[in-house]
Amino acid sequence: MAVYRRLKLPLNTLSRLQGTVRWFSDSATVDGEAKLTDLLRQRFPQASAVEVQDISGGCGSMYEVWVEASDFKGLSRVKQHKLITETLKAEIKDMHGLRITTSMPDET
């Protein structure tokens, strides 16, 4: 609240700004997650699961991805993660961080 007093903004402006920031963050989160999910789905079309979550608080600078695909069979974890980073290469350059989890589907 002190920041807004220093800027001499009326209180009703504060609530409008908070709503705009919240909308903008939520929109960026959904768009970023959807874009990364689409790229991973294109690269791993037979994947049994692809999940992407913005863990940056909504600014799109850090994501957690999880891909479960039979494409990883016989590959070390490092090679599996390299496939993910190669797929998201252009997007990673604008990120602060990326957590990757890969797995193979159960063969039952």
N, C-alpha and C. Protein backbone atom coordinates (compact mmCIF):
# COMPACT_ATOMS: atom_id res chain seq x y z
N MET A 1 0.82 -1.19 0.00
CA MET A 1 0.00 0.00 0.00
C MET A 1 0.86 1.25 0.00
N ALA A 2 2.01 1.20 0.66
CA ALA A 2 2.89 2.37 0.71
C ALA A 2 3.38 2.76 -0.68
N VAL A 3 3.61 1.76 -1.52
CA VAL A 3 4.05 2.05 -2.89
C VAL A 3 3.01 2.88 -3.62
N TYR A 4 1.76 2.54 -3.44
CA TYR A 4 0.70 3.26 -4.12
C TYR A 4 0.53 4.67 -3.57
N ARG A 5 0.82 4.83 -2.28
CA ARG A 5 0.77 6.18 -1.72
C ARG A 5 1.88 7.03 -2.31
N ARG A 6 3.08 6.45 -2.44
CA ARG A 6 4.19 7.20 -3.03
C ARG A 6 3.89 7.62 -4.45
N LEU A 7 3.18 6.77 -5.17
CA LEU A 7 2.79 7.11 -6.53
C LEU A 7 1.59 8.03 -6.58
N LYS A 8 0.95 8.22 -5.42
CA LYS A 8 -0.23 9.07 -5.30
C LYS A 8 -1.38 8.62 -6.19
N LEU A 9 -1.61 7.32 -6.18
CA LEU A 9 -2.73 6.76 -6.93
C LEU A 9 -3.94 6.64 -6.03
N PRO A 10 -5.12 6.96 -6.52
CA PRO A 10 -6.33 6.74 -5.72
C PRO A 10 -6.53 5.25 -5.46
N LEU A 11 -7.18 4.93 -4.35
CA LEU A 11 -7.38 3.53 -3.99
C LEU A 11 -8.15 2.75 -5.03
N ASN A 12 -9.12 3.37 -5.72
CA ASN A 12 -9.87 2.62 -6.73
C ASN A 12 -8.97 2.26 -7.91
N THR A 13 -7.92 3.03 -8.15
CA THR A 13 -6.95 2.70 -9.20
C THR A 13 -6.17 1.45 -8.80
N LEU A 14 -5.86 1.34 -7.52
CA LEU A 14 -5.16 0.17 -7.01
C LEU A 14 -5.93 -1.11 -7.33
N SER A 15 -7.20 -1.13 -7.05
CA SER A 15 -7.98 -2.36 -7.31
C SER A 15 -8.07 -2.64 -8.80
N ARG A 16 -8.18 -1.61 -9.64
CA ARG A 16 -8.21 -1.84 -11.09
C ARG A 16 -6.87 -2.38 -11.57
N LEU A 17 -5.76 -1.85 -11.04
CA LEU A 17 -4.44 -2.34 -11.43
C LEU A 17 -4.25 -3.79 -11.02
N GLN A 18 -4.67 -4.13 -9.81
CA GLN A 18 -4.52 -5.51 -9.35
C GLN A 18 -5.31 -6.46 -10.24
N GLY A 19 -6.50 -6.08 -10.62
CA GLY A 19 -7.31 -6.92 -11.51
C GLY A 19 -6.67 -7.09 -12.87
N THR A 20 -6.09 -6.03 -13.41
CA THR A 20 -5.43 -6.09 -14.71
C THR A 20 -4.20 -6.97 -14.64
N VAL A 21 -3.40 -6.80 -13.59
CA VAL A 21 -2.19 -7.62 -13.43
C VAL A 21 -2.57 -9.08 -13.28
N ARG A 22 -3.60 -9.37 -12.49
CA ARG A 22 -4.03 -10.75 -12.28
C ARG A 22 -4.50 -11.36 -13.60
N TRP A 23 -5.29 -10.62 -14.39
CA TRP A 23 -5.77 -11.12 -15.67
C TRP A 23 -4.61 -11.35 -16.61
N PHE A 24 -3.69 -10.42 -16.66
CA PHE A 24 -2.55 -10.52 -17.56
C PHE A 24 -1.68 -11.71 -17.19
N SER A 25 -1.44 -11.93 -15.91
CA SER A 25 -0.63 -13.06 -15.46
C SER A 25 -1.31 -14.38 -15.77
N ASP A 26 -2.61 -14.48 -15.47
CA ASP A 26 -3.34 -15.71 -15.74
C ASP A 26 -3.33 -16.02 -17.23
N SER A 27 -3.52 -15.01 -18.06
CA SER A 27 -3.52 -15.18 -19.50
C SER A 27 -2.16 -15.65 -19.99
N ALA A 28 -1.10 -15.03 -19.50
CA ALA A 28 0.26 -15.42 -19.90
C ALA A 28 0.57 -16.84 -19.47
N THR A 29 0.12 -17.21 -18.28
CA THR A 29 0.35 -18.56 -17.77
C THR A 29 -0.31 -19.59 -18.68
N VAL A 30 -1.56 -19.39 -18.99
CA VAL A 30 -2.31 -20.33 -19.82
C VAL A 30 -1.70 -20.40 -21.22
N ASP A 31 -1.38 -19.27 -21.80
CA ASP A 31 -0.80 -19.24 -23.15
C ASP A 31 0.56 -19.95 -23.18
N GLY A 32 1.41 -19.67 -22.20
CA GLY A 32 2.73 -20.30 -22.15
C GLY A 32 2.64 -21.80 -21.96
N GLU A 33 1.78 -22.22 -21.05
CA GLU A 33 1.61 -23.65 -20.81
C GLU A 33 1.07 -24.34 -22.05
N ALA A 34 0.10 -23.72 -22.71
CA ALA A 34 -0.50 -24.31 -23.92
C ALA A 34 0.53 -24.41 -25.04
N LYS A 35 1.33 -23.38 -25.21
CA LYS A 35 2.34 -23.39 -26.28
C LYS A 35 3.35 -24.52 -26.06
N LEU A 36 3.86 -24.63 -24.84
CA LEU A 36 4.83 -25.68 -24.55
C LEU A 36 4.21 -27.06 -24.69
N THR A 37 2.97 -27.21 -24.23
CA THR A 37 2.28 -28.49 -24.36
C THR A 37 2.12 -28.86 -25.82
N ASP A 38 1.72 -27.91 -26.65
CA ASP A 38 1.56 -28.17 -28.09
C ASP A 38 2.88 -28.62 -28.73
N LEU A 39 3.97 -27.93 -28.40
CA LEU A 39 5.27 -28.30 -28.96
C LEU A 39 5.67 -29.71 -28.55
N LEU A 40 5.45 -30.04 -27.28
CA LEU A 40 5.81 -31.38 -26.80
C LEU A 40 4.90 -32.44 -27.40
N ARG A 41 3.63 -32.14 -27.58
CA ARG A 41 2.71 -33.09 -28.21
C ARG A 41 3.08 -33.34 -29.68
N GLN A 42 3.54 -32.29 -30.36
CA GLN A 42 3.98 -32.45 -31.75
C GLN A 42 5.22 -33.33 -31.83
N ARG A 43 6.15 -33.14 -30.91
CA ARG A 43 7.40 -33.90 -30.91
C ARG A 43 7.18 -35.34 -30.45
N PHE A 44 6.26 -35.53 -29.51
CA PHE A 44 5.98 -36.86 -28.96
C PHE A 44 4.50 -37.18 -29.16
N PRO A 45 4.09 -37.42 -30.41
CA PRO A 45 2.65 -37.63 -30.68
C PRO A 45 2.07 -38.87 -30.00
N GLN A 46 2.88 -39.85 -29.70
CA GLN A 46 2.41 -41.07 -29.05
C GLN A 46 2.52 -41.02 -27.53
N ALA A 47 2.87 -39.85 -26.99
CA ALA A 47 3.03 -39.71 -25.53
C ALA A 47 1.72 -40.03 -24.83
N SER A 48 1.83 -40.77 -23.74
CA SER A 48 0.63 -41.09 -22.97
C SER A 48 0.27 -39.95 -22.02
N ALA A 49 1.22 -39.06 -21.75
CA ALA A 49 0.94 -37.90 -20.90
C ALA A 49 1.95 -36.79 -21.18
N VAL A 50 1.44 -35.56 -21.25
CA VAL A 50 2.27 -34.37 -21.35
C VAL A 50 1.63 -33.33 -20.44
N GLU A 51 2.38 -32.87 -19.46
CA GLU A 51 1.87 -31.85 -18.55
C GLU A 51 2.88 -30.73 -18.45
N VAL A 52 2.39 -29.50 -18.47
CA VAL A 52 3.23 -28.32 -18.33
C VAL A 52 2.59 -27.40 -17.30
N GLN A 53 3.38 -26.92 -16.36
CA GLN A 53 2.87 -26.01 -15.35
C GLN A 53 3.83 -24.84 -15.19
N ASP A 54 3.27 -23.63 -15.22
CA ASP A 54 4.05 -22.42 -14.96
C ASP A 54 4.27 -22.34 -13.45
N ILE A 55 5.53 -22.44 -13.02
CA ILE A 55 5.84 -22.39 -11.59
C ILE A 55 6.53 -21.08 -11.23
N SER A 56 6.40 -20.09 -12.10
CA SER A 56 7.05 -18.79 -11.87
C SER A 56 6.13 -17.81 -11.16
N GLY A 57 4.92 -18.21 -10.87
CA GLY A 57 3.98 -17.28 -10.28
C GLY A 57 3.18 -16.54 -11.32
N GLY A 58 3.26 -17.00 -12.56
CA GLY A 58 2.44 -16.41 -13.61
C GLY A 58 3.17 -15.56 -14.63
N CYS A 59 4.47 -15.37 -14.44
CA CYS A 59 5.18 -14.51 -15.40
C CYS A 59 5.76 -15.29 -16.58
N GLY A 60 5.71 -16.61 -16.53
CA GLY A 60 6.17 -17.41 -17.65
C GLY A 60 7.67 -17.56 -17.75
N SER A 61 8.38 -17.37 -16.64
CA SER A 61 9.83 -17.47 -16.70
C SER A 61 10.37 -18.81 -16.21
N MET A 62 9.49 -19.64 -15.62
CA MET A 62 9.94 -20.96 -15.17
C MET A 62 8.79 -21.95 -15.29
N TYR A 63 9.09 -23.09 -15.86
CA TYR A 63 8.08 -24.11 -16.08
C TYR A 63 8.55 -25.46 -15.56
N GLU A 64 7.58 -26.29 -15.26
CA GLU A 64 7.83 -27.69 -14.93
C GLU A 64 7.11 -28.52 -15.98
N VAL A 65 7.83 -29.43 -16.63
CA VAL A 65 7.21 -30.27 -17.65
C VAL A 65 7.37 -31.73 -17.27
N TRP A 66 6.39 -32.50 -17.63
CA TRP A 66 6.43 -33.94 -17.42
C TRP A 66 5.91 -34.60 -18.69
N VAL A 67 6.74 -35.49 -19.21
CA VAL A 67 6.36 -36.21 -20.43
C VAL A 67 6.54 -37.70 -20.18
N GLU A 68 5.48 -38.45 -20.46
CA GLU A 68 5.52 -39.91 -20.37
C GLU A 68 5.35 -40.43 -21.79
N ALA A 69 6.43 -41.04 -22.31
CA ALA A 69 6.40 -41.49 -23.70
C ALA A 69 7.27 -42.72 -23.90
N SER A 70 6.82 -43.59 -24.79
CA SER A 70 7.61 -44.78 -25.11
C SER A 70 8.85 -44.42 -25.92
N ASP A 71 8.91 -43.18 -26.44
CA ASP A 71 10.09 -42.70 -27.17
C ASP A 71 11.35 -42.75 -26.31
N PHE A 72 11.19 -42.80 -25.00
CA PHE A 72 12.32 -42.77 -24.08
C PHE A 72 12.92 -44.14 -23.81
N LYS A 73 12.31 -45.18 -24.37
CA LYS A 73 12.78 -46.55 -24.11
C LYS A 73 14.24 -46.70 -24.53
N GLY A 74 15.04 -47.21 -23.61
CA GLY A 74 16.45 -47.48 -23.88
C GLY A 74 17.35 -46.25 -23.78
N LEU A 75 16.79 -45.09 -23.48
CA LEU A 75 17.59 -43.87 -23.39
C LEU A 75 17.89 -43.55 -21.92
N SER A 76 19.08 -43.02 -21.69
CA SER A 76 19.41 -42.56 -20.34
C SER A 76 18.54 -41.34 -20.01
N ARG A 77 18.45 -41.03 -18.74
CA ARG A 77 17.67 -39.87 -18.32
C ARG A 77 18.22 -38.59 -18.95
N VAL A 78 19.52 -38.49 -19.07
CA VAL A 78 20.14 -37.31 -19.69
C VAL A 78 19.69 -37.18 -21.15
N LYS A 79 19.67 -38.28 -21.87
CA LYS A 79 19.23 -38.23 -23.27
C LYS A 79 17.74 -37.93 -23.39
N GLN A 80 16.95 -38.45 -22.46
CA GLN A 80 15.52 -38.14 -22.44
C GLN A 80 15.30 -36.64 -22.25
N HIS A 81 16.02 -36.06 -21.30
CA HIS A 81 15.88 -34.63 -21.02
C HIS A 81 16.41 -33.79 -22.18
N LYS A 82 17.43 -34.29 -22.84
CA LYS A 82 17.96 -33.58 -24.00
C LYS A 82 16.92 -33.49 -25.12
N LEU A 83 16.14 -34.55 -25.30
CA LEU A 83 15.05 -34.51 -26.29
C LEU A 83 14.05 -33.41 -25.95
N ILE A 84 13.77 -33.26 -24.67
CA ILE A 84 12.84 -32.20 -24.24
C ILE A 84 13.45 -30.82 -24.50
N THR A 85 14.69 -30.63 -24.09
CA THR A 85 15.31 -29.31 -24.25
C THR A 85 15.50 -28.95 -25.72
N GLU A 86 15.78 -29.93 -26.56
CA GLU A 86 15.89 -29.66 -28.00
C GLU A 86 14.53 -29.24 -28.57
N THR A 87 13.47 -29.86 -28.08
CA THR A 87 12.13 -29.52 -28.54
C THR A 87 11.74 -28.10 -28.15
N LEU A 88 12.15 -27.68 -26.96
CA LEU A 88 11.77 -26.36 -26.43
C LEU A 88 12.90 -25.33 -26.54
N LYS A 89 13.87 -25.61 -27.39
CA LYS A 89 15.08 -24.78 -27.50
C LYS A 89 14.78 -23.29 -27.64
N ALA A 90 13.91 -22.92 -28.54
CA ALA A 90 13.62 -21.50 -28.79
C ALA A 90 12.93 -20.86 -27.58
N GLU A 91 12.10 -21.61 -26.88
CA GLU A 91 11.37 -21.07 -25.74
C GLU A 91 12.26 -20.97 -24.50
N ILE A 92 13.20 -21.90 -24.36
CA ILE A 92 14.07 -21.94 -23.19
C ILE A 92 14.93 -20.69 -23.09
N LYS A 93 15.32 -20.12 -24.21
CA LYS A 93 16.20 -18.94 -24.17
C LYS A 93 15.57 -17.76 -23.46
N ASP A 94 14.24 -17.75 -23.35
CA ASP A 94 13.54 -16.66 -22.66
C ASP A 94 13.12 -17.04 -21.25
N MET A 95 13.52 -18.22 -20.78
CA MET A 95 13.12 -18.70 -19.46
C MET A 95 14.21 -18.49 -18.43
N HIS A 96 13.78 -18.48 -17.19
CA HIS A 96 14.72 -18.45 -16.07
C HIS A 96 15.13 -19.87 -15.70
N GLY A 97 14.19 -20.80 -15.83
CA GLY A 97 14.48 -22.18 -15.47
C GLY A 97 13.44 -23.14 -16.01
N LEU A 98 13.80 -24.41 -16.02
CA LEU A 98 12.92 -25.46 -16.52
C LEU A 98 13.19 -26.73 -15.73
N ARG A 99 12.14 -27.29 -15.13
CA ARG A 99 12.24 -28.58 -14.45
C ARG A 99 11.65 -29.62 -15.38
N ILE A 100 12.40 -30.69 -15.59
CA ILE A 100 11.95 -31.73 -16.52
C ILE A 100 11.84 -33.06 -15.79
N THR A 101 10.73 -33.74 -16.01
CA THR A 101 10.54 -35.11 -15.53
C THR A 101 10.08 -35.93 -16.71
N THR A 102 10.76 -37.04 -16.94
CA THR A 102 10.37 -37.93 -18.02
C THR A 102 10.14 -39.33 -17.44
N SER A 103 9.29 -40.07 -18.10
CA SER A 103 9.04 -41.45 -17.69
C SER A 103 8.51 -42.23 -18.88
N MET A 104 8.51 -43.54 -18.70
CA MET A 104 7.97 -44.44 -19.71
C MET A 104 6.65 -44.98 -19.20
N PRO A 105 5.69 -45.18 -20.11
CA PRO A 105 4.41 -45.74 -19.68
C PRO A 105 4.60 -47.18 -19.20
N ASP A 106 3.74 -47.59 -18.27
CA ASP A 106 3.77 -48.97 -17.79
C ASP A 106 3.36 -49.88 -18.95
N GLU A 107 4.10 -50.95 -19.14
CA GLU A 107 3.79 -51.91 -20.19
C GLU A 107 3.14 -53.12 -19.58
N THR A 108 1.83 -53.01 -19.35
CA THR A 108 1.12 -54.15 -18.76
C THR A 108 0.10 -54.68 -19.70
